[in-house]
Amino acid sequence: MTKTARSERPLPQLIDVKLVHDGWIKKYALVYQLPNGEIFSYESVSRKSTEAYRAELEANARGEKSPADAVCVVPILPDGSVLLIREFRYPLNSWTIAFPAGLLEAGESLITCVDRELHEETGYRVRAELGEAAVRPLPQAGYSSMGMSGESVQIVIAYVEKDGEASPEPIELIEPFTLKREEIPTFLETNTIPIGTRGQLLLEIARHIEVL
């Protein structure tokens, strides 16, 4: 029998999803009834409409798997090096270190999204000669910030090669760069540019990914 991490404890019940502020990123008040009967409101953010966000929350409560909202790519070059980006992030007012990532468009397959985001941000593409082996998604999408947002991100290991120049949007300031496997520990120890926790962990894991 497959083990499950789900608990049998009584859970808060979602009563309402209220839009507090509209925009590309929307702010919501999630109204719950706690197991003791108390009404509790929790603030969250999402890019989804009220109807879509509520449907997703209700699906989560039923234990249903939701499609990923975005991808984050761990690109491995033919020589085993890892491809990363320096990107100016407006919420931090700073350059940051990250892996290529982006939102999945409606109806877009995972491999198409990976290939598109890679080429736009870095000028690299998935190695076509490897077929399906060129893209290895983790078993399930993870969440960016579970205390604030329901955004889910599918991590994908991709075997890539250079294929022209990057074509980011005018407001996107992105510089691709590579790290050799043996350089990763020193980089993590000495880097002072903001980096996400996901990026730190993926860099450490990337040291052990096989080379194709």
Protein backbone atom coordinates (compact mmCIF):
# COMPACT_ATOMS: atom_id res chain seq x y z
CA MET A 1 0.00 0.00 0.00
CA THR A 2 1.32 3.45 -0.92
CA LYS A 3 1.98 5.65 2.08
CA THR A 4 0.34 9.06 2.20
CA ALA A 5 1.29 12.23 4.02
CA ARG A 6 -2.34 13.31 4.40
CA SER A 7 -3.63 13.80 7.95
CA GLU A 8 -7.01 12.75 9.31
CA ARG A 9 -7.29 15.82 11.56
CA PRO A 10 -10.31 18.10 11.08
CA LEU A 11 -9.38 20.93 8.71
CA PRO A 12 -10.52 24.53 8.26
CA GLN A 13 -13.35 24.75 5.70
CA LEU A 14 -13.12 27.30 2.89
CA ILE A 15 -16.20 29.56 2.94
CA ASP A 16 -15.34 32.36 0.55
CA VAL A 17 -12.63 33.79 -1.71
CA LYS A 18 -12.75 37.58 -1.79
CA LEU A 19 -10.82 39.70 -4.27
CA VAL A 20 -9.20 42.55 -2.30
CA HIS A 21 -7.06 44.12 -5.04
CA ASP A 22 -7.06 43.42 -8.78
CA GLY A 23 -4.04 43.49 -11.09
CA TRP A 24 -1.58 41.14 -12.76
CA ILE A 25 -0.96 39.82 -9.25
CA LYS A 26 -4.23 39.78 -7.33
CA LYS A 27 -4.64 39.99 -3.57
CA TYR A 28 -7.29 37.80 -1.96
CA ALA A 29 -8.87 37.28 1.45
CA LEU A 30 -9.59 33.59 2.02
CA VAL A 31 -12.41 33.15 4.53
CA TYR A 32 -12.32 29.90 6.53
CA GLN A 33 -14.32 28.32 9.28
CA LEU A 34 -11.94 26.73 11.75
CA PRO A 35 -12.72 23.34 13.36
CA ASN A 36 -13.83 25.17 16.54
CA GLY A 37 -16.38 27.19 14.53
CA GLU A 38 -14.42 30.44 14.51
CA ILE A 39 -14.32 32.45 11.25
CA PHE A 40 -10.79 33.27 10.10
CA SER A 41 -9.55 35.40 7.17
CA TYR A 42 -6.15 34.79 5.55
CA GLU A 43 -4.48 37.02 2.94
CA SER A 44 -2.96 35.47 -0.19
CA VAL A 45 -1.94 36.41 -3.73
CA SER A 46 -2.51 34.78 -7.11
CA ARG A 47 -2.43 35.56 -10.82
CA LYS A 48 -5.67 33.61 -11.31
CA SER A 49 -9.22 34.96 -11.49
CA THR A 50 -11.42 34.55 -8.44
CA GLU A 51 -13.29 31.64 -10.02
CA ALA A 52 -10.13 29.83 -11.14
CA TYR A 53 -8.40 30.38 -7.82
CA ARG A 54 -11.37 29.06 -5.83
CA ALA A 55 -11.64 26.02 -8.10
CA GLU A 56 -7.95 25.30 -7.51
CA LEU A 57 -8.31 25.63 -3.74
CA GLU A 58 -11.28 23.29 -3.71
CA ALA A 59 -9.39 20.77 -5.87
CA ASN A 60 -6.47 20.91 -3.42
CA ALA A 61 -8.85 20.10 -0.56
CA ARG A 62 -10.02 17.00 -2.49
CA GLY A 63 -6.44 15.89 -3.01
CA GLU A 64 -6.52 16.41 -6.76
CA LYS A 65 -3.33 17.16 -8.66
CA SER A 66 -3.37 20.62 -10.25
CA PRO A 67 -1.41 21.52 -13.40
CA ALA A 68 1.75 23.54 -12.86
CA ASP A 69 1.63 27.31 -13.28
CA ALA A 70 5.29 27.69 -14.23
CA VAL A 71 8.50 25.84 -15.00
CA CYS A 72 11.99 26.16 -13.58
CA VAL A 73 14.71 24.63 -15.73
CA VAL A 74 17.99 23.12 -14.54
CA PRO A 75 19.98 23.21 -17.82
CA ILE A 76 22.91 20.81 -18.18
CA LEU A 77 25.38 21.47 -21.01
CA PRO A 78 27.16 18.70 -22.98
CA ASP A 79 30.34 19.21 -20.93
CA GLY A 80 28.38 18.85 -17.68
CA SER A 81 28.37 22.56 -16.83
CA VAL A 82 25.23 24.14 -15.39
CA LEU A 83 23.54 27.12 -17.07
CA LEU A 84 22.21 29.90 -14.83
CA ILE A 85 21.09 33.51 -15.24
CA ARG A 86 21.75 36.81 -13.58
CA GLU A 87 18.44 38.70 -13.67
CA PHE A 88 17.42 42.11 -12.34
CA ARG A 89 14.36 41.54 -10.15
CA TYR A 90 12.23 44.60 -9.48
CA PRO A 91 10.82 43.47 -6.08
CA LEU A 92 14.41 43.27 -4.79
CA ASN A 93 15.84 46.23 -6.78
CA SER A 94 18.88 44.06 -7.41
CA TRP A 95 20.55 41.56 -9.66
CA THR A 96 19.66 38.01 -8.60
CA ILE A 97 20.94 34.50 -9.36
CA ALA A 98 18.44 31.99 -10.70
CA PHE A 99 17.73 29.17 -13.10
CA PRO A 100 15.75 29.98 -16.27
CA ALA A 101 12.03 29.95 -15.49
CA GLY A 102 8.70 31.20 -16.74
CA LEU A 103 4.94 30.78 -16.82
CA LEU A 104 3.25 27.99 -18.73
CA GLU A 105 0.96 29.43 -21.38
CA ALA A 106 -2.57 28.09 -21.88
CA GLY A 107 -2.49 24.80 -23.79
CA GLU A 108 1.32 24.73 -23.89
CA SER A 109 3.14 21.44 -23.36
CA LEU A 110 5.88 21.21 -20.76
CA ILE A 111 8.69 20.61 -23.27
CA THR A 112 7.50 23.50 -25.47
CA CYS A 113 7.50 25.84 -22.47
CA VAL A 114 10.95 24.68 -21.39
CA ASP A 115 12.36 25.18 -24.88
CA ARG A 116 10.70 28.59 -25.30
CA GLU A 117 11.80 29.98 -21.95
CA LEU A 118 15.33 28.68 -22.41
CA HIS A 119 15.74 30.29 -25.81
CA GLU A 120 14.13 33.58 -24.82
CA GLU A 121 16.24 34.01 -21.70
CA THR A 122 19.54 32.40 -22.68
CA GLY A 123 19.76 31.52 -26.38
CA TYR A 124 20.00 27.80 -25.53
CA ARG A 125 17.63 25.01 -26.60
CA VAL A 126 16.86 21.45 -25.57
CA ARG A 127 19.08 18.92 -27.37
CA ALA A 128 16.75 17.43 -29.99
CA GLU A 129 18.93 14.36 -30.66
CA LEU A 130 18.25 13.08 -27.13
CA GLY A 131 14.50 12.86 -27.71
CA GLU A 132 12.40 12.45 -24.57
CA ALA A 133 15.53 11.90 -22.46
CA ALA A 134 16.46 15.58 -22.96
CA VAL A 135 13.78 16.72 -20.52
CA ARG A 136 13.29 15.12 -17.10
CA PRO A 137 10.56 16.67 -14.95
CA LEU A 138 10.41 15.94 -11.24
CA PRO A 139 7.44 13.73 -10.25
CA GLN A 140 5.25 16.61 -9.10
CA ALA A 141 5.20 20.40 -9.14
CA GLY A 142 6.29 22.23 -5.99
CA TYR A 143 5.09 25.54 -4.58
CA SER A 144 6.93 28.86 -4.60
CA SER A 145 5.73 30.28 -1.27
CA MET A 146 3.04 28.21 0.42
CA GLY A 147 2.42 30.79 3.13
CA MET A 148 1.52 33.49 0.61
CA SER A 149 0.63 32.04 -2.80
CA GLY A 150 -0.68 28.92 -4.53
CA GLU A 151 1.74 29.25 -7.47
CA SER A 152 3.09 25.83 -8.44
CA VAL A 153 6.36 25.31 -10.30
CA GLN A 154 7.44 22.23 -12.22
CA ILE A 155 11.19 21.62 -11.87
CA VAL A 156 12.69 20.17 -15.05
CA ILE A 157 16.21 18.89 -15.67
CA ALA A 158 17.03 19.66 -19.31
CA TYR A 159 20.03 18.74 -21.44
CA VAL A 160 20.72 21.78 -23.60
CA GLU A 161 23.04 23.36 -26.15
CA LYS A 162 23.68 26.86 -27.51
CA ASP A 163 21.37 27.85 -30.36
CA GLY A 164 21.62 31.55 -31.17
CA GLU A 165 21.05 34.67 -29.13
CA ALA A 166 18.63 35.31 -26.29
CA SER A 167 15.54 37.45 -26.91
CA PRO A 168 14.18 38.67 -23.57
CA GLU A 169 11.46 41.29 -23.24
CA PRO A 170 12.68 44.94 -23.10
CA ILE A 171 11.97 45.15 -19.36
CA GLU A 172 13.86 41.90 -18.68
CA LEU A 173 17.54 42.34 -17.81
CA ILE A 174 19.02 38.85 -18.07
CA GLU A 175 22.61 37.62 -18.43
CA PRO A 176 23.22 33.85 -18.84
CA PHE A 177 26.38 32.31 -17.41
CA THR A 178 27.71 28.82 -16.74
CA LEU A 179 29.27 27.05 -13.79
CA LYS A 180 31.40 23.92 -13.91
CA ARG A 181 30.37 21.24 -11.43
CA GLU A 182 33.51 21.69 -9.35
CA GLU A 183 32.87 25.46 -9.12
CA ILE A 184 29.44 25.11 -7.49
CA PRO A 185 30.54 24.72 -3.81
CA THR A 186 32.81 27.78 -3.98
CA PHE A 187 30.12 29.77 -5.77
CA LEU A 188 27.54 28.96 -3.08
CA GLU A 189 30.00 29.87 -0.33
CA THR A 190 31.15 33.18 -1.83
CA ASN A 191 28.15 34.52 -3.77
CA THR A 192 26.67 37.73 -2.34
CA ILE A 193 24.00 38.40 -4.99
CA PRO A 194 20.43 37.51 -3.86
CA ILE A 195 19.48 33.94 -4.72
CA GLY A 196 16.27 32.03 -4.04
CA THR A 197 16.21 29.04 -1.71
CA ARG A 198 15.04 26.90 -4.65
CA GLY A 199 18.10 28.01 -6.64
CA GLN A 200 20.47 27.18 -3.80
CA LEU A 201 19.08 23.68 -3.39
CA LEU A 202 18.96 23.00 -7.12
CA LEU A 203 22.58 24.09 -7.51
CA GLU A 204 23.62 21.64 -4.84
CA ILE A 205 21.60 18.87 -6.50
CA ALA A 206 22.98 19.76 -9.95
CA ARG A 207 26.42 18.63 -8.82
CA HIS A 208 25.17 15.04 -8.92
CA ILE A 209 23.06 15.00 -12.12
CA GLU A 210 24.36 12.63 -14.78
CA VAL A 211 25.77 14.02 -18.02
CA LEU A 212 24.32 12.86 -21.37
